[in-house]
PDB file of N, CA and C in Angstrom:
ATOM      1  N   MET A   1      30.136  17.301 -18.733  1.00  0.00           N
ATOM      2  CA  MET A   1      30.771  16.646 -19.305  1.00  0.00           C
ATOM      3  C   MET A   1      30.328  15.795 -20.644  1.00  0.00           C
ATOM      4  N   LYS A   2      30.222  14.396 -20.126  1.00  0.00           N
ATOM      5  CA  LYS A   2      29.459  13.732 -21.417  1.00  0.00           C
ATOM      6  C   LYS A   2      27.824  13.957 -21.683  1.00  0.00           C
ATOM      7  N   ARG A   3      27.432  14.715 -20.871  1.00  0.00           N
ATOM      8  CA  ARG A   3      26.006  15.363 -21.300  1.00  0.00           C
ATOM      9  C   ARG A   3      26.185  16.394 -22.044  1.00  0.00           C
ATOM     10  N   LYS A   4      27.574  17.349 -22.244  1.00  0.00           N
ATOM     11  CA  LYS A   4      27.892  18.204 -23.546  1.00  0.00           C
ATOM     12  C   LYS A   4      28.148  17.659 -24.891  1.00  0.00           C
ATOM     13  N   ILE A   5      28.971  16.352 -24.171  1.00  0.00           N
ATOM     14  CA  ILE A   5      29.639  15.927 -25.614  1.00  0.00           C
ATOM     15  C   ILE A   5      27.752  14.921 -26.429  1.00  0.00           C
ATOM     16  N   GLY A   6      27.051  14.729 -25.657  1.00  0.00           N
ATOM     17  CA  GLY A   6      25.977  13.918 -25.968  1.00  0.00           C
ATOM     18  C   GLY A   6      24.882  14.995 -26.851  1.00  0.00           C
ATOM     19  N   LEU A   7      24.842  16.049 -26.751  1.00  0.00           N
ATOM     20  CA  LEU A   7      24.090  16.746 -26.909  1.00  0.00           C
ATOM     21  C   LEU A   7      24.708  17.558 -28.085  1.00  0.00           C
ATOM     22  N   TRP A   8      25.912  17.615 -28.009  1.00  0.00           N
ATOM     23  CA  TRP A   8      26.615  18.017 -29.721  1.00  0.00           C
ATOM     24  C   TRP A   8      26.717  16.946 -30.712  1.00  0.00           C
ATOM     25  N   ALA A   9      26.306  15.959 -30.309  1.00  0.00           N
ATOM     26  CA  ALA A   9      26.334  14.539 -31.344  1.00  0.00           C
ATOM     27  C   ALA A   9      24.882  14.388 -31.812  1.00  0.00           C
ATOM     28  N   THR A  10      24.054  14.503 -30.645  1.00  0.00           N
ATOM     29  CA  THR A  10      22.454  14.666 -31.394  1.00  0.00           C
ATOM     30  C   THR A  10      22.690  15.802 -31.778  1.00  0.00           C
ATOM     31  N   MET A  11      22.937  17.298 -31.903  1.00  0.00           N
ATOM     32  CA  MET A  11      22.554  17.985 -33.019  1.00  0.00           C
ATOM     33  C   MET A  11      22.944  17.814 -34.000  1.00  0.00           C
ATOM     34  N   ALA A  12      24.502  16.982 -34.268  1.00  0.00           N
ATOM     35  CA  ALA A  12      25.388  17.494 -35.506  1.00  0.00           C
ATOM     36  C   ALA A  12      24.392  16.011 -36.205  1.00  0.00           C
ATOM     37  N   VAL A  13      23.954  15.210 -35.556  1.00  0.00           N
ATOM     38  CA  VAL A  13      23.239  13.820 -36.277  1.00  0.00           C
ATOM     39  C   VAL A  13      22.231  14.695 -37.244  1.00  0.00           C
ATOM     40  N   VAL A  14      21.607  15.477 -36.398  1.00  0.00           N
ATOM     41  CA  VAL A  14      19.802  15.660 -36.700  1.00  0.00           C
ATOM     42  C   VAL A  14      20.377  17.100 -37.837  1.00  0.00           C
ATOM     43  N   GLY A  15      21.391  18.068 -37.933  1.00  0.00           N
ATOM     44  CA  GLY A  15      21.437  18.590 -38.630  1.00  0.00           C
ATOM     45  C   GLY A  15      21.923  17.785 -40.206  1.00  0.00           C
ATOM     46  N   VAL A  16      23.036  16.744 -40.070  1.00  0.00           N
ATOM     47  CA  VAL A  16      23.399  16.257 -41.345  1.00  0.00           C
ATOM     48  C   VAL A  16      22.027  15.633 -42.324  1.00  0.00           C
ATOM     49  N   SER A  17      21.013  14.995 -40.952  1.00  0.00           N
ATOM     50  CA  SER A  17      19.932  14.216 -41.782  1.00  0.00           C
ATOM     51  C   SER A  17      19.165  15.046 -42.473  1.00  0.00           C
ATOM     52  N   SER A  18      19.181  16.346 -41.834  1.00  0.00           N
ATOM     53  CA  SER A  18      18.421  17.544 -42.410  1.00  0.00           C
ATOM     54  C   SER A  18      18.946  18.125 -43.658  1.00  0.00           C
ATOM     55  N   LEU A  19      20.457  17.644 -43.786  1.00  0.00           N
ATOM     56  CA  LEU A  19      20.689  17.999 -45.112  1.00  0.00           C
ATOM     57  C   LEU A  19      20.491  16.802 -45.970  1.00  0.00           C
ATOM     58  N   LEU A  20      20.295  15.906 -45.930  1.00  0.00           N
ATOM     59  CA  LEU A  20      20.353  14.819 -46.942  1.00  0.00           C
ATOM     60  C   LEU A  20      18.894  14.088 -47.288  1.00  0.00           C
ATOM     61  N   ILE A  21      17.803  14.591 -45.923  1.00  0.00           N
ATOM     62  CA  ILE A  21      16.450  14.341 -46.856  1.00  0.00           C
ATOM     63  C   ILE A  21      15.920  15.292 -47.922  1.00  0.00           C
ATOM     64  N   GLY A  22      16.272  16.641 -47.194  1.00  0.00           N
ATOM     65  CA  GLY A  22      15.726  17.674 -48.114  1.00  0.00           C
ATOM     66  C   GLY A  22      14.281  18.631 -48.030  1.00  0.00           C
ATOM     67  N   CYS A  23      14.346  19.279 -48.743  1.00  0.00           N
ATOM     68  CA  CYS A  23      13.124  19.842 -49.015  1.00  0.00           C
ATOM     69  C   CYS A  23      12.368  19.913 -50.116  1.00  0.00           C
ATOM     70  N   ASP A  24      10.866  19.990 -50.589  1.00  0.00           N
ATOM     71  CA  ASP A  24      10.366  20.317 -51.682  1.00  0.00           C
ATOM     72  C   ASP A  24      11.120  21.394 -51.965  1.00  0.00           C
ATOM     73  N   ARG A  25      11.021  22.242 -53.660  1.00  0.00           N
ATOM     74  CA  ARG A  25      11.154  23.685 -54.006  1.00  0.00           C
ATOM     75  C   ARG A  25      10.524  23.574 -54.652  1.00  0.00           C
ATOM     76  N   THR A  26       9.722  25.096 -54.542  1.00  0.00           N
ATOM     77  CA  THR A  26       8.630  25.582 -55.552  1.00  0.00           C
ATOM     78  C   THR A  26       9.652  26.090 -56.624  1.00  0.00           C
ATOM     79  N   VAL A  27       9.002  25.844 -58.324  1.00  0.00           N
ATOM     80  CA  VAL A  27       9.840  25.781 -59.172  1.00  0.00           C
ATOM     81  C   VAL A  27       9.237  27.089 -59.567  1.00  0.00           C
ATOM     82  N   SER A  28       7.760  27.330 -59.850  1.00  0.00           N
ATOM     83  CA  SER A  28       7.608  27.873 -60.477  1.00  0.00           C
ATOM     84  C   SER A  28       5.580  28.200 -59.837  1.00  0.00           C
ATOM     85  N   LYS A  29       5.202  29.451 -59.765  1.00  0.00           N
ATOM     86  CA  LYS A  29       3.427  29.467 -58.834  1.00  0.00           C
ATOM     87  C   LYS A  29       3.107  30.639 -60.141  1.00  0.00           C
ATOM     88  N   THR A  30       1.409  29.974 -60.266  1.00  0.00           N
ATOM     89  CA  THR A  30       1.263  31.241 -61.121  1.00  0.00           C
ATOM     90  C   THR A  30      -0.455  31.260 -60.944  1.00  0.00           C
ATOM     91  N   GLU A  31      -0.886  32.093 -60.977  1.00  0.00           N
ATOM     92  CA  GLU A  31      -2.303  32.361 -60.407  1.00  0.00           C
ATOM     93  C   GLU A  31      -3.005  33.248 -61.784  1.00  0.00           C
ATOM     94  N   GLU A  32      -4.505  33.167 -62.077  1.00  0.00           N
ATOM     95  CA  GLU A  32      -5.105  33.816 -63.302  1.00  0.00           C
ATOM     96  C   GLU A  32      -6.327  33.981 -62.996  1.00  0.00           C
ATOM     97  N   THR A  33      -6.985  35.057 -62.818  1.00  0.00           N
ATOM     98  CA  THR A  33      -8.560  35.345 -62.362  1.00  0.00           C
ATOM     99  C   THR A  33      -8.738  36.395 -63.020  1.00  0.00           C
ATOM    100  N   SER A  34     -10.322  35.475 -63.967  1.00  0.00           N
ATOM    101  CA  SER A  34     -11.228  35.915 -64.640  1.00  0.00           C
ATOM    102  C   SER A  34     -12.333  36.753 -63.727  1.00  0.00           C
ATOM    103  N   VAL A  35     -12.807  37.688 -64.726  1.00  0.00           N
ATOM    104  CA  VAL A  35     -14.471  37.864 -63.810  1.00  0.00           C
ATOM    105  C   VAL A  35     -15.069  38.496 -64.933  1.00  0.00           C
ATOM    106  N   ARG A  36     -16.409  37.394 -65.441  1.00  0.00           N
ATOM    107  CA  ARG A  36     -17.050  37.415 -66.065  1.00  0.00           C
ATOM    108  C   ARG A  36     -18.321  38.857 -65.956  1.00  0.00           C
ATOM    109  N   SER A  37     -18.996  38.618 -67.304  1.00  0.00           N
ATOM    110  CA  SER A  37     -19.806  40.212 -67.023  1.00  0.00           C
ATOM    111  C   SER A  37     -21.054  39.349 -66.404  1.00  0.00           C
ATOM    112  N   ASP A  38     -21.538  38.594 -65.848  1.00  0.00           N
ATOM    113  CA  ASP A  38     -22.484  38.254 -64.951  1.00  0.00           C
ATOM    114  C   ASP A  38     -21.870  38.633 -63.494  1.00  0.00           C
ATOM    115  N   GLY A  39     -20.854  38.697 -63.435  1.00  0.00           N
ATOM    116  CA  GLY A  39     -20.002  38.736 -62.251  1.00  0.00           C
ATOM    117  C   GLY A  39     -19.326  38.093 -61.273  1.00  0.00           C
ATOM    118  N   SER A  40     -19.250  36.509 -61.930  1.00  0.00           N
ATOM    119  CA  SER A  40     -18.549  35.340 -61.462  1.00  0.00           C
ATOM    120  C   SER A  40     -17.414  35.455 -62.011  1.00  0.00           C
ATOM    121  N   THR A  41     -16.478  34.815 -61.003  1.00  0.00           N
ATOM    122  CA  THR A  41     -15.285  34.814 -61.479  1.00  0.00           C
ATOM    123  C   THR A  41     -14.844  33.387 -60.951  1.00  0.00           C
ATOM    124  N   LYS A  42     -13.201  33.363 -61.963  1.00  0.00           N
ATOM    125  CA  LYS A  42     -12.496  31.737 -61.884  1.00  0.00           C
ATOM    126  C   LYS A  42     -11.579  31.951 -62.012  1.00  0.00           C
ATOM    127  N   SER A  43     -10.712  31.456 -60.685  1.00  0.00           N
ATOM    128  CA  SER A  43      -9.333  31.094 -60.911  1.00  0.00           C
ATOM    129  C   SER A  43      -8.686  30.124 -60.964  1.00  0.00           C
ATOM    130  N   LYS A  44      -7.316  29.760 -61.475  1.00  0.00           N
ATOM    131  CA  LYS A  44      -6.841  28.949 -61.574  1.00  0.00           C
ATOM    132  C   LYS A  44      -5.277  29.210 -61.329  1.00  0.00           C
ATOM    133  N   GLU A  45      -4.419  28.335 -60.195  1.00  0.00           N
ATOM    134  CA  GLU A  45      -3.948  28.211 -60.173  1.00  0.00           C
ATOM    135  C   GLU A  45      -2.976  27.248 -60.231  1.00  0.00           C
ATOM    136  N   THR A  46      -1.862  27.544 -60.579  1.00  0.00           N
ATOM    137  CA  THR A  46      -0.932  26.274 -60.867  1.00  0.00           C
ATOM    138  C   THR A  46       0.831  26.267 -60.338  1.00  0.00           C
ATOM    139  N   THR A  47       0.868  25.134 -59.847  1.00  0.00           N
ATOM    140  CA  THR A  47       2.658  25.461 -58.798  1.00  0.00           C
ATOM    141  C   THR A  47       2.644  23.932 -59.649  1.00  0.00           C
ATOM    142  N   VAL A  48       4.577  24.645 -59.862  1.00  0.00           N
ATOM    143  CA  VAL A  48       5.271  23.228 -59.950  1.00  0.00           C
ATOM    144  C   VAL A  48       6.716  22.979 -59.043  1.00  0.00           C
ATOM    145  N   LYS A  49       6.560  21.263 -58.390  1.00  0.00           N
ATOM    146  CA  LYS A  49       7.456  21.688 -56.746  1.00  0.00           C
ATOM    147  C   LYS A  49       8.197  20.448 -58.159  1.00  0.00           C
ATOM    148  N   GLU A  50       9.436  20.972 -57.189  1.00  0.00           N
ATOM    149  CA  GLU A  50      10.490  20.065 -57.454  1.00  0.00           C
ATOM    150  C   GLU A  50      10.577  19.250 -56.528  1.00  0.00           C
ATOM    151  N   ASN A  51      10.622  17.341 -55.984  1.00  0.00           N
ATOM    152  CA  ASN A  51      10.696  17.112 -55.139  1.00  0.00           C
ATOM    153  C   ASN A  51      12.244  16.851 -54.187  1.00  0.00           C
ATOM    154  N   SER A  52      12.278  16.609 -53.315  1.00  0.00           N
ATOM    155  CA  SER A  52      13.956  16.220 -52.953  1.00  0.00           C
ATOM    156  C   SER A  52      14.338  14.800 -53.425  1.00  0.00           C
ATOM    157  N   ASP A  53      13.845  14.430 -53.866  1.00  0.00           N
ATOM    158  CA  ASP A  53      14.088  12.980 -55.216  1.00  0.00           C
ATOM    159  C   ASP A  53      14.289  13.394 -56.234  1.00  0.00           C
ATOM    160  N   GLY A  54      14.314  15.006 -56.640  1.00  0.00           N
ATOM    161  CA  GLY A  54      14.298  15.038 -58.080  1.00  0.00           C
ATOM    162  C   GLY A  54      13.206  15.244 -58.922  1.00  0.00           C
ATOM    163  N   THR A  55      11.935  14.744 -58.658  1.00  0.00           N
ATOM    164  CA  THR A  55      10.885  13.829 -59.834  1.00  0.00           C
ATOM    165  C   THR A  55      10.384  15.573 -59.317  1.00  0.00           C
ATOM    166  N   VAL A  56       9.707  15.976 -60.492  1.00  0.00           N
ATOM    167  CA  VAL A  56       8.759  17.573 -60.998  1.00  0.00           C
ATOM    168  C   VAL A  56       7.441  16.820 -60.661  1.00  0.00           C
ATOM    169  N   THR A  57       6.727  17.440 -59.865  1.00  0.00           N
ATOM    170  CA  THR A  57       5.043  17.984 -59.514  1.00  0.00           C
ATOM    171  C   THR A  57       4.667  19.038 -60.148  1.00  0.00           C
ATOM    172  N   LYS A  58       3.791  18.769 -60.859  1.00  0.00           N
ATOM    173  CA  LYS A  58       3.032  19.684 -61.257  1.00  0.00           C
ATOM    174  C   LYS A  58       0.979  19.411 -60.665  1.00  0.00           C
ATOM    175  N   THR A  59       0.474  20.897 -59.806  1.00  0.00           N
ATOM    176  CA  THR A  59      -1.042  21.004 -59.677  1.00  0.00           C
ATOM    177  C   THR A  59      -1.467  21.698 -59.777  1.00  0.00           C
ATOM    178  N   GLU A  60      -2.685  21.605 -60.459  1.00  0.00           N
ATOM    179  CA  GLU A  60      -3.686  22.904 -60.851  1.00  0.00           C
ATOM    180  C   GLU A  60      -4.922  22.801 -60.189  1.00  0.00           C
ATOM    181  N   GLU A  61      -5.083  24.157 -59.720  1.00  0.00           N
ATOM    182  CA  GLU A  61      -6.457  24.328 -58.167  1.00  0.00           C
ATOM    183  C   GLU A  61      -7.250  24.828 -59.741  1.00  0.00           C
ATOM    184  N   THR A  62      -8.489  24.798 -59.592  1.00  0.00           N
ATOM    185  CA  THR A  62      -9.539  26.006 -60.441  1.00  0.00           C
ATOM    186  C   THR A  62     -10.298  25.951 -59.573  1.00  0.00           C
ATOM    187  N   LYS A  63     -10.686  27.118 -59.332  1.00  0.00           N
ATOM    188  CA  LYS A  63     -11.923  27.637 -58.564  1.00  0.00           C
ATOM    189  C   LYS A  63     -13.064  28.635 -59.520  1.00  0.00           C
ATOM    190  N   LYS A  64     -14.516  28.704 -58.866  1.00  0.00           N
ATOM    191  CA  LYS A  64     -15.413  29.575 -59.549  1.00  0.00           C
ATOM    192  C   LYS A  64     -16.378  29.866 -58.631  1.00  0.00           C
ATOM    193  N   THR A  65     -16.710  31.628 -58.341  1.00  0.00           N
ATOM    194  CA  THR A  65     -17.669  31.583 -57.493  1.00  0.00           C
ATOM    195  C   THR A  65     -18.326  32.380 -58.210  1.00  0.00           C
ATOM    196  N   SER A  66     -19.528  32.439 -57.663  1.00  0.00           N
ATOM    197  CA  SER A  66     -20.645  33.304 -58.826  1.00  0.00           C
ATOM    198  C   SER A  66     -21.308  33.800 -57.268  1.00  0.00           C
ATOM    199  N   PRO A  67     -21.728  35.563 -58.128  1.00  0.00           N
ATOM    200  CA  PRO A  67     -22.269  36.699 -57.426  1.00  0.00           C
ATOM    201  C   PRO A  67     -23.900  36.245 -56.027  1.00  0.00           C
ATOM    202  N   ASN A  68     -23.967  36.546 -55.202  1.00  0.00           N
ATOM    203  CA  ASN A  68     -24.939  36.431 -54.546  1.00  0.00           C
ATOM    204  C   ASN A  68     -26.548  36.669 -54.948  1.00  0.00           C
ATOM    205  N   PRO A  69     -26.945  35.946 -55.101  1.00  0.00           N
ATOM    206  CA  PRO A  69     -28.243  37.161 -56.066  1.00  0.00           C
ATOM    207  C   PRO A  69     -29.288  38.039 -55.114  1.00  0.00           C
TER     208      PRO A  69
END
């Protein structure tokens, strides 16, 4: 019986702490891809996330690829 109570108490603490800590939330995500006349491509990905502390983080990633000769 004591073991079950200890298990339930542990589960409750873990559940409540996960609610308090929170997770990052993706607010928006966009991806743009363009192909040029020479066959090369350019991709730009922008992600906006809201952190658990309320701050907002914007990440931009650009990739360029060239066609094989």
